[in-house]
């Protein structure tokens, strides 16, 4: 049974009423906004440390000064298997240690936000974040943003304890911390803030958005001490037009259907996570199998960032695109199902990029002149929108990740809207609440509206 987040906390600082401060004149506003700024600073520093750790592990395990895909391609096949086997062994031992750190709440941020008012176990979450960056650096097919999100949420949770905040204030601050961690990891301050409110908190309201914006922009600026202040993906200057908009009208619904399938695959993988002594055995087997598959498909290794970049540039052959469209999401689900911790944002983006590129090649007879790289960009945004159930944040994230604005905004909006409508019609679960039961989803809807807008 999950702990339910009931009513107000047992105590609150003098002069507060437990509501989210609407203005600086509101009682307790100074304490709350201080916590917001400190959350941003902590999220930025922790993201910088975690991404630096990932880079160090990657450079130690693989040929240095190369992207993971290029490094893996230059590595002997047997060494790929050994590196992934090592990642599996680390995962198994790490999970056996982490599960003993607490018998309390789980570490899934979305679940914690809705059912324990954002309370997460501190040391278990930090340990899971560190383990996640290590195994992703070794080549596990999971995202790197999961760890900074966890760290930001932990910092916000601790500050909420110190400030004696109400459940509503804590829930918002933890969502802001998770969004700030994402903002710092990818240098997406606006996208990280919208992700926190639209995807994690589920309500777009001014008094919720302002703290999220503040935490995310502070985190992004602080992370610049160690991380680059530059777009994650470098893309050509594609031109929009009526052909790509018509293509987006067709591709969007397809992306919605594929996204539902991916979300359900992740839900099955999560339910299949090993327990007991199997935590030691299953990760080693699964990740060694991934290493063996990488002999023929090195693109399966890592979070998919390098593969997405190639598809955005139109540099992947159609037969390989089709094979990876089938294999990459399976690799991600297998890694997650083995018990390996990691994020799902970049794997979802990569799935969308592969889908968009495949659909672009298949539709060249109908829409001649539409580049597959532009189709990959639109597909990536559509799948992110549908898998997160956050079309606004998805569009903004794609703009910030690529550093482009008007060049593809219209077709991206068309694809994101249609993909989200189709996916919600089939199944309203996002990739972050796929594990919830129907009863838990109904309870979440009751908690979604904040106490005071």
Protein backbone atom coordinates (compact mmCIF):
# COMPACT_ATOMS: atom_id res chain seq x y z
CA UNK A 1 0.00 0.00 0.00
CA UNK A 2 1.28 3.42 -0.89
CA UNK A 3 1.26 6.12 1.72
CA UNK A 4 -1.42 8.66 0.83
CA UNK A 5 -0.71 12.32 1.11
CA UNK A 6 -3.71 13.35 3.24
CA UNK A 7 -4.30 16.89 4.42
CA UNK A 8 -2.02 19.63 5.65
CA UNK A 9 1.25 18.89 7.43
CA UNK A 10 1.46 18.68 11.20
CA UNK A 11 3.18 22.05 11.40
CA UNK A 12 3.93 25.04 9.22
CA UNK A 13 6.22 28.01 9.73
CA UNK A 14 4.70 30.88 11.61
CA UNK A 15 2.66 33.15 9.39
CA UNK A 16 1.97 30.61 6.60
CA UNK A 17 -1.32 29.02 5.63
CA UNK A 18 0.04 26.14 3.55
CA UNK A 19 -0.94 27.66 0.19
CA UNK A 20 1.46 28.36 -2.66
CA UNK A 21 2.45 32.06 -2.38
CA UNK A 22 0.78 34.07 -5.13
CA UNK A 23 2.75 37.25 -4.40
CA UNK A 24 5.68 38.32 -2.27
CA UNK A 25 3.17 39.77 0.23
CA UNK A 26 1.73 36.33 0.87
CA UNK A 27 2.58 34.90 4.32
CA UNK A 28 5.64 32.66 4.10
CA UNK A 29 6.55 33.84 0.59
CA UNK A 30 10.15 34.67 1.54
CA UNK A 31 10.76 31.18 2.92
CA UNK A 32 9.15 29.47 -0.06
CA UNK A 33 10.98 31.51 -2.71
CA UNK A 34 14.28 31.05 -0.91
CA UNK A 35 13.69 27.31 -1.16
CA UNK A 36 12.91 27.67 -4.88
CA UNK A 37 16.20 29.46 -5.57
CA UNK A 38 18.18 27.00 -3.43
CA UNK A 39 16.50 24.13 -5.28
CA UNK A 40 17.65 25.60 -8.58
CA UNK A 41 21.21 26.04 -7.34
CA UNK A 42 21.34 22.53 -5.94
CA UNK A 43 19.80 20.99 -9.06
CA UNK A 44 22.30 22.81 -11.29
CA UNK A 45 25.31 21.72 -9.25
CA UNK A 46 24.14 18.12 -8.93
CA UNK A 47 23.35 17.89 -12.66
CA UNK A 48 26.81 19.20 -13.49
CA UNK A 49 28.40 16.64 -11.15
CA UNK A 50 26.31 13.73 -12.46
CA UNK A 51 26.84 14.49 -16.15
CA UNK A 52 30.56 14.94 -15.48
CA UNK A 53 30.55 11.52 -13.81
CA UNK A 54 28.83 10.00 -16.84
CA UNK A 55 31.41 11.52 -19.19
CA UNK A 56 34.29 10.28 -17.02
CA UNK A 57 32.91 6.73 -16.95
CA UNK A 58 32.34 6.77 -20.70
CA UNK A 59 35.88 7.98 -21.40
CA UNK A 60 37.37 5.35 -19.10
CA UNK A 61 35.39 2.45 -20.55
CA UNK A 62 35.40 3.43 -24.21
CA UNK A 63 37.94 5.16 -26.48
CA UNK A 64 38.18 8.71 -25.11
CA UNK A 65 37.19 12.00 -26.72
CA UNK A 66 34.54 10.39 -28.93
CA UNK A 67 30.78 10.18 -28.88
CA UNK A 68 29.56 6.86 -27.50
CA UNK A 69 28.37 5.59 -30.89
CA UNK A 70 31.67 6.32 -32.60
CA UNK A 71 33.63 4.96 -29.64
CA UNK A 72 31.62 1.73 -29.62
CA UNK A 73 32.06 1.32 -33.38
CA UNK A 74 35.84 1.52 -32.94
CA UNK A 75 35.84 -0.98 -30.06
CA UNK A 76 36.41 -4.71 -30.56
CA UNK A 77 33.15 -6.71 -30.38
CA UNK A 78 34.28 -8.83 -27.42
CA UNK A 79 35.10 -5.70 -25.45
CA UNK A 80 31.59 -4.33 -26.01
CA UNK A 81 30.14 -7.49 -24.46
CA UNK A 82 32.53 -7.29 -21.51
CA UNK A 83 31.76 -3.62 -20.84
CA UNK A 84 28.01 -4.25 -20.88
CA UNK A 85 28.45 -7.35 -18.73
CA UNK A 86 30.29 -5.15 -16.23
CA UNK A 87 27.40 -2.68 -16.34
CA UNK A 88 25.03 -5.53 -15.58
CA UNK A 89 27.09 -6.71 -12.62
CA UNK A 90 27.22 -3.16 -11.25
CA UNK A 91 23.47 -2.86 -11.68
CA UNK A 92 22.82 -6.08 -9.81
CA UNK A 93 25.09 -5.27 -6.88
CA UNK A 94 23.88 -1.68 -6.80
CA UNK A 95 20.23 -2.67 -6.68
CA UNK A 96 20.85 -5.16 -3.87
CA UNK A 97 22.52 -2.39 -1.86
CA UNK A 98 19.97 0.31 -2.67
CA UNK A 99 16.95 -1.76 -1.74
CA UNK A 100 18.36 -2.14 1.79
CA UNK A 101 18.74 1.61 2.32
CA UNK A 102 15.06 2.20 3.08
CA UNK A 103 11.83 0.34 3.47
CA UNK A 104 9.79 3.49 2.86
CA UNK A 105 8.59 5.19 -0.29
CA UNK A 106 9.83 4.29 -3.73
CA UNK A 107 12.03 6.55 -5.82
CA UNK A 108 9.74 7.12 -8.80
CA UNK A 109 9.19 10.88 -8.86
CA UNK A 110 5.76 10.86 -10.51
CA UNK A 111 4.39 8.31 -8.05
CA UNK A 112 5.88 10.22 -5.12
CA UNK A 113 4.32 13.50 -6.29
CA UNK A 114 0.82 12.10 -6.34
CA UNK A 115 0.76 9.63 -3.49
CA UNK A 116 3.32 10.82 -0.93
CA UNK A 117 3.25 14.58 -1.66
CA UNK A 118 6.73 14.38 -3.19
CA UNK A 119 8.44 12.60 -0.31
CA UNK A 120 11.31 10.48 -1.67
CA UNK A 121 13.99 8.51 0.21
CA UNK A 122 17.13 10.65 0.16
CA UNK A 123 20.02 8.18 0.14
CA UNK A 124 18.32 5.57 -2.00
CA UNK A 125 17.44 8.20 -4.61
CA UNK A 126 20.95 9.64 -4.66
CA UNK A 127 22.47 6.17 -4.91
CA UNK A 128 20.14 5.28 -7.76
CA UNK A 129 21.06 8.52 -9.56
CA UNK A 130 24.78 7.81 -9.33
CA UNK A 131 24.31 4.20 -10.45
CA UNK A 132 22.18 5.38 -13.37
CA UNK A 133 24.87 7.71 -14.73
CA UNK A 134 27.55 5.02 -14.38
CA UNK A 135 25.65 2.35 -16.33
CA UNK A 136 24.42 4.82 -18.98
CA UNK A 137 28.05 5.87 -19.44
CA UNK A 138 28.89 2.18 -19.91
CA UNK A 139 26.27 1.86 -22.63
CA UNK A 140 22.89 0.95 -21.09
CA UNK A 141 20.05 1.98 -23.41
CA UNK A 142 18.48 4.48 -20.99
CA UNK A 143 18.40 8.26 -20.63
CA UNK A 144 20.87 10.36 -18.70
CA UNK A 145 18.27 12.87 -17.47
CA UNK A 146 16.72 10.51 -14.91
CA UNK A 147 19.58 11.05 -12.45
CA UNK A 148 19.55 14.90 -12.46
CA UNK A 149 15.76 14.82 -12.09
CA UNK A 150 16.08 12.55 -9.05
CA UNK A 151 18.78 14.73 -7.52
CA UNK A 152 16.73 17.89 -8.01
CA UNK A 153 13.69 16.21 -6.46
CA UNK A 154 15.73 15.06 -3.44
CA UNK A 155 17.07 18.57 -2.84
CA UNK A 156 13.57 20.03 -3.02
CA UNK A 157 12.26 17.34 -0.67
CA UNK A 158 14.95 18.10 1.92
CA UNK A 159 14.30 21.84 1.70
CA UNK A 160 10.58 21.17 2.13
CA UNK A 161 11.34 19.29 5.34
CA UNK A 162 13.48 22.17 6.60
CA UNK A 163 10.85 24.74 5.67
CA UNK A 164 7.96 22.75 7.11
CA UNK A 165 6.00 23.22 3.89
CA UNK A 166 2.48 21.94 3.32
CA UNK A 167 1.83 18.99 1.04
CA UNK A 168 0.80 21.30 -1.80
CA UNK A 169 3.94 23.42 -1.46
CA UNK A 170 6.15 20.33 -1.22
CA UNK A 171 4.52 18.75 -4.27
CA UNK A 172 5.20 21.86 -6.34
CA UNK A 173 8.75 22.32 -5.07
CA UNK A 174 9.68 18.67 -5.79
CA UNK A 175 8.25 18.98 -9.31
CA UNK A 176 10.28 22.18 -9.75
CA UNK A 177 13.39 20.37 -8.55
CA UNK A 178 12.91 17.53 -11.02
CA UNK A 179 12.28 19.97 -13.86
CA UNK A 180 15.31 22.03 -12.84
CA UNK A 181 17.47 18.90 -12.97
CA UNK A 182 16.29 18.25 -16.50
CA UNK A 183 16.81 21.91 -17.44
CA UNK A 184 20.39 21.76 -16.21
CA UNK A 185 21.18 18.41 -17.86
CA UNK A 186 20.06 19.55 -21.33
CA UNK A 187 20.34 23.35 -20.98
CA UNK A 188 16.59 23.76 -21.52
CA UNK A 189 15.39 26.23 -18.84
CA UNK A 190 11.98 26.95 -20.38
CA UNK A 191 11.36 23.35 -21.40
CA UNK A 192 12.41 22.06 -17.99
CA UNK A 193 9.99 24.41 -16.25
CA UNK A 194 7.08 23.47 -18.50
CA UNK A 195 7.94 19.78 -18.10
CA UNK A 196 7.74 20.18 -14.32
CA UNK A 197 4.31 21.83 -14.43
CA UNK A 198 2.60 20.28 -17.46
CA UNK A 199 3.93 16.71 -17.22
CA UNK A 200 4.79 16.20 -13.55
CA UNK A 201 2.35 18.54 -11.80
CA UNK A 202 -0.37 18.31 -14.43
CA UNK A 203 -1.72 21.88 -14.12
CA UNK A 204 -0.66 25.04 -15.92
CA UNK A 205 -1.32 27.95 -13.54
CA UNK A 206 0.62 31.18 -13.03
CA UNK A 207 1.51 30.65 -9.39
CA UNK A 208 2.82 27.16 -10.32
CA UNK A 209 4.71 28.25 -13.43
CA UNK A 210 6.67 31.11 -11.83
CA UNK A 211 8.52 28.95 -9.25
CA UNK A 212 9.24 26.34 -11.93
CA UNK A 213 10.68 28.99 -14.25
CA UNK A 214 12.83 30.43 -11.48
CA UNK A 215 14.21 27.05 -10.38
CA UNK A 216 14.92 25.91 -13.94
CA UNK A 217 16.67 29.06 -15.13
CA UNK A 218 18.83 29.16 -11.99
CA UNK A 219 19.71 25.48 -12.43
CA UNK A 220 20.61 25.93 -16.10
CA UNK A 221 22.86 28.93 -15.38
CA UNK A 222 24.57 27.21 -12.45
CA UNK A 223 25.25 24.10 -14.56
CA UNK A 224 27.20 26.22 -17.05
CA UNK A 225 30.17 26.01 -14.69
CA UNK A 226 30.75 22.47 -16.02
CA UNK A 227 28.29 21.85 -18.86
CA UNK A 228 28.13 23.60 -22.26
CA UNK A 229 25.69 26.41 -22.88
CA UNK A 230 24.79 25.17 -26.35
CA UNK A 231 22.05 23.24 -28.18
CA UNK A 232 22.14 19.48 -27.68
CA UNK A 233 21.51 18.78 -31.37
CA UNK A 234 23.05 20.63 -34.31
CA UNK A 235 20.69 20.47 -37.27
CA UNK A 236 20.64 21.91 -40.79
CA UNK A 237 18.50 24.94 -41.59
CA UNK A 238 15.43 23.10 -42.83
CA UNK A 239 12.62 25.05 -44.45
CA UNK A 240 8.98 24.52 -43.59
CA UNK A 241 6.16 24.43 -46.14
CA UNK A 242 2.79 23.00 -47.05
CA UNK A 243 4.24 19.57 -47.91
CA UNK A 244 5.75 18.98 -44.46
CA UNK A 245 2.57 20.22 -42.75
CA UNK A 246 0.49 17.74 -44.77
CA UNK A 247 3.03 15.05 -43.90
CA UNK A 248 2.73 15.97 -40.19
CA UNK A 249 -1.05 15.54 -40.37
CA UNK A 250 -0.49 11.92 -41.40
CA UNK A 251 2.56 11.19 -39.24
CA UNK A 252 1.12 12.65 -36.02
CA UNK A 253 -1.62 10.05 -35.50
CA UNK A 254 0.82 7.25 -36.36
CA UNK A 255 3.22 8.63 -33.74
CA UNK A 256 0.35 8.64 -31.25
CA UNK A 257 -0.35 4.94 -31.81
CA UNK A 258 3.33 4.01 -31.64
CA UNK A 259 3.70 6.05 -28.43
CA UNK A 260 0.88 4.11 -26.75
CA UNK A 261 2.63 0.88 -27.69
CA UNK A 262 5.91 2.14 -26.25
CA UNK A 263 4.27 3.30 -23.01
CA UNK A 264 2.62 -0.09 -22.59
CA UNK A 265 5.92 -1.83 -23.32
CA UNK A 266 7.58 0.23 -20.58
CA UNK A 267 4.75 -0.63 -18.18
CA UNK A 268 5.25 -4.34 -18.84
CA UNK A 269 9.00 -3.99 -18.39
CA UNK A 270 8.52 -2.17 -15.09
CA UNK A 271 6.24 -4.90 -13.77
CA UNK A 272 8.79 -7.53 -14.83
CA UNK A 273 11.66 -6.05 -12.77
CA UNK A 274 13.45 -8.85 -10.92
CA UNK A 275 13.11 -9.36 -7.19
CA UNK A 276 15.22 -11.11 -4.58
CA UNK A 277 18.39 -12.84 -5.75
CA UNK A 278 17.31 -12.38 -9.39
CA UNK A 279 18.40 -8.73 -9.03
CA UNK A 280 21.98 -10.01 -9.24
CA UNK A 281 21.49 -12.31 -12.23
CA UNK A 282 19.02 -10.70 -14.62
CA UNK A 283 20.85 -7.36 -15.23
CA UNK A 284 24.08 -9.16 -16.12
CA UNK A 285 22.29 -11.42 -18.60
CA UNK A 286 20.25 -8.63 -20.22
CA UNK A 287 23.07 -6.12 -20.55
CA UNK A 288 25.48 -8.78 -21.83
CA UNK A 289 22.82 -9.62 -24.42
CA UNK A 290 22.68 -5.93 -25.34
CA UNK A 291 26.46 -5.96 -25.71
CA UNK A 292 26.23 -8.96 -28.03
CA UNK A 293 23.53 -7.24 -30.12
CA UNK A 294 25.76 -4.19 -30.39
CA UNK A 295 28.24 -6.26 -32.39
CA UNK A 296 25.87 -5.82 -35.34
CA UNK A 297 24.03 -2.72 -34.12
CA UNK A 298 26.29 -0.44 -32.04
CA UNK A 299 23.54 2.18 -32.29
CA UNK A 300 21.64 0.26 -29.59
CA UNK A 301 24.12 1.40 -26.93
CA UNK A 302 23.56 4.52 -24.85
CA UNK A 303 20.57 6.82 -24.55
CA UNK A 304 20.23 7.35 -28.31
CA UNK A 305 21.49 10.93 -28.51
CA UNK A 306 24.11 10.15 -31.17
CA UNK A 307 21.61 8.13 -33.19
CA UNK A 308 19.03 10.93 -33.05
CA UNK A 309 21.65 13.40 -34.26
CA UNK A 310 22.36 11.20 -37.29
CA UNK A 311 18.68 10.90 -38.14
CA UNK A 312 18.20 14.68 -37.84
CA UNK A 313 20.99 15.07 -40.40
CA UNK A 314 19.50 12.39 -42.69
CA UNK A 315 22.61 10.22 -42.39
CA UNK A 316 21.06 6.80 -41.62
CA UNK A 317 20.16 4.41 -44.44
CA UNK A 318 16.48 3.34 -44.64
CA UNK A 319 17.08 -0.40 -43.96
CA UNK A 320 19.06 0.44 -40.82
CA UNK A 321 16.40 2.94 -39.74
CA UNK A 322 13.72 0.26 -39.96
CA UNK A 323 15.81 -2.27 -38.01
CA UNK A 324 16.62 0.24 -35.26
CA UNK A 325 12.98 1.38 -35.08
CA UNK A 326 12.17 -2.14 -33.93
CA UNK A 327 15.29 -2.89 -31.87
CA UNK A 328 16.01 0.36 -30.00
CA UNK A 329 12.76 0.51 -27.97
CA UNK A 330 13.13 -3.20 -27.19
CA UNK A 331 16.65 -2.54 -25.90
CA UNK A 332 15.38 0.28 -23.67
CA UNK A 333 12.52 -1.83 -22.30
CA UNK A 334 14.88 -4.75 -21.61
CA UNK A 335 17.32 -2.52 -19.73
CA UNK A 336 14.50 -1.03 -17.65
CA UNK A 337 12.97 -4.45 -17.04
CA UNK A 338 16.29 -5.80 -15.81
CA UNK A 339 16.21 -3.32 -12.94
CA UNK A 340 18.65 -0.82 -14.40
CA UNK A 341 17.84 2.77 -13.35
CA UNK A 342 17.73 5.48 -15.99
CA UNK A 343 15.64 8.05 -17.81
CA UNK A 344 13.20 7.63 -20.69
CA UNK A 345 13.18 11.09 -22.28
CA UNK A 346 16.00 10.66 -24.81
CA UNK A 347 15.00 7.06 -25.67
CA UNK A 348 11.49 8.40 -26.43
CA UNK A 349 12.96 11.21 -28.53
CA UNK A 350 15.12 8.72 -30.42
CA UNK A 351 12.15 6.44 -31.07
CA UNK A 352 10.29 9.42 -32.53
CA UNK A 353 13.27 10.41 -34.66
CA UNK A 354 13.55 6.89 -36.08
CA UNK A 355 9.80 6.71 -36.72
CA UNK A 356 9.76 10.11 -38.40
CA UNK A 357 12.72 9.25 -40.62
CA UNK A 358 11.15 5.93 -41.67
CA UNK A 359 7.83 7.60 -42.46
CA UNK A 360 9.70 10.31 -44.33
CA UNK A 361 11.40 7.78 -46.58
CA UNK A 362 8.17 5.84 -47.11
CA UNK A 363 6.26 8.96 -48.16
CA UNK A 364 8.77 10.40 -50.63
CA UNK A 365 6.45 9.46 -53.51
CA UNK A 366 3.62 11.45 -51.90
CA UNK A 367 5.66 14.39 -50.59
CA UNK A 368 8.73 14.71 -52.83
CA UNK A 369 11.41 17.06 -51.61
CA UNK A 370 10.64 16.69 -47.89
CA UNK A 371 13.97 15.77 -46.23
CA UNK A 372 14.01 12.74 -43.94
CA UNK A 373 15.97 14.72 -41.35
CA UNK A 374 13.13 17.23 -40.99
CA UNK A 375 10.67 14.33 -40.73
CA UNK A 376 12.84 12.89 -37.96
CA UNK A 377 12.67 16.19 -36.04
CA UNK A 378 8.89 16.35 -36.33
CA UNK A 379 8.57 12.69 -35.37
CA UNK A 380 10.75 13.18 -32.30
CA UNK A 381 8.59 16.03 -31.05
CA UNK A 382 5.37 14.13 -31.75
CA UNK A 383 6.46 11.04 -29.80
CA UNK A 384 7.72 13.14 -26.88
CA UNK A 385 4.37 14.94 -26.78
CA UNK A 386 2.41 11.70 -26.83
CA UNK A 387 4.56 9.68 -24.44
CA UNK A 388 4.72 12.48 -21.86
CA UNK A 389 1.17 13.76 -22.48
CA UNK A 390 2.77 17.22 -22.52
CA UNK A 391 2.51 18.78 -26.01
CA UNK A 392 3.45 22.30 -24.91
CA UNK A 393 6.60 21.26 -23.10
CA UNK A 394 7.48 18.86 -25.96
CA UNK A 395 7.40 21.63 -28.56
CA UNK A 396 9.42 24.01 -26.38
CA UNK A 397 11.95 21.27 -25.57
CA UNK A 398 12.51 20.55 -29.27
CA UNK A 399 13.08 24.26 -29.93
CA UNK A 400 15.58 24.56 -27.07
CA UNK A 401 17.34 21.26 -27.80
CA UNK A 402 17.99 22.28 -31.41
CA UNK A 403 18.36 26.03 -31.01
CA UNK A 404 15.82 26.62 -33.81
CA UNK A 405 12.45 28.31 -33.60
CA UNK A 406 10.31 29.17 -36.62
CA UNK A 407 11.90 26.75 -39.09
CA UNK A 408 9.72 23.80 -38.08
CA UNK A 409 7.29 25.15 -35.45
CA UNK A 410 4.08 24.80 -37.53
CA UNK A 411 4.50 21.14 -38.60
CA UNK A 412 5.83 20.29 -35.14
CA UNK A 413 2.69 21.72 -33.52
CA UNK A 414 0.47 19.85 -35.96
CA UNK A 415 2.23 16.53 -35.27
CA UNK A 416 2.39 17.06 -31.50
CA UNK A 417 -1.31 17.94 -31.23
CA UNK A 418 -2.56 15.06 -33.38
CA UNK A 419 -0.21 12.55 -31.73
CA UNK A 420 -1.34 13.58 -28.24
CA UNK A 421 -5.04 13.49 -29.14
CA UNK A 422 -4.73 10.00 -30.62
CA UNK A 423 -2.65 8.65 -27.75
CA UNK A 424 -5.01 10.10 -25.11
CA UNK A 425 -7.99 8.62 -26.94
CA UNK A 426 -6.43 5.16 -26.71
CA UNK A 427 -4.76 5.44 -23.29
CA UNK A 428 -4.25 8.55 -21.16
CA UNK A 429 -1.19 7.17 -19.37
CA UNK A 430 2.13 8.86 -19.99
CA UNK A 431 5.48 7.17 -19.89
CA UNK A 432 5.92 8.51 -16.35
CA UNK A 433 2.70 7.08 -14.91
CA UNK A 434 2.51 3.90 -16.98
CA UNK A 435 2.86 1.79 -13.84
CA UNK A 436 -0.25 3.23 -12.16
CA UNK A 437 -3.41 1.18 -11.90
CA UNK A 438 -6.79 2.50 -13.05
CA UNK A 439 -7.71 3.20 -9.42
CA UNK A 440 -4.49 5.14 -8.86
CA UNK A 441 -5.07 7.13 -12.05
CA UNK A 442 -8.54 8.09 -10.81
CA UNK A 443 -7.10 9.17 -7.46
CA UNK A 444 -4.41 11.18 -9.23
CA UNK A 445 -7.07 13.11 -11.14
CA UNK A 446 -8.63 14.12 -7.81
CA UNK A 447 -5.27 15.42 -6.61
CA UNK A 448 -4.31 17.11 -9.89
CA UNK A 449 -6.00 20.45 -9.18
CA UNK A 450 -4.00 22.57 -6.71
CA UNK A 451 -5.67 23.83 -3.54
CA UNK A 452 -5.75 27.38 -4.87
CA UNK A 453 -5.07 28.65 -8.37
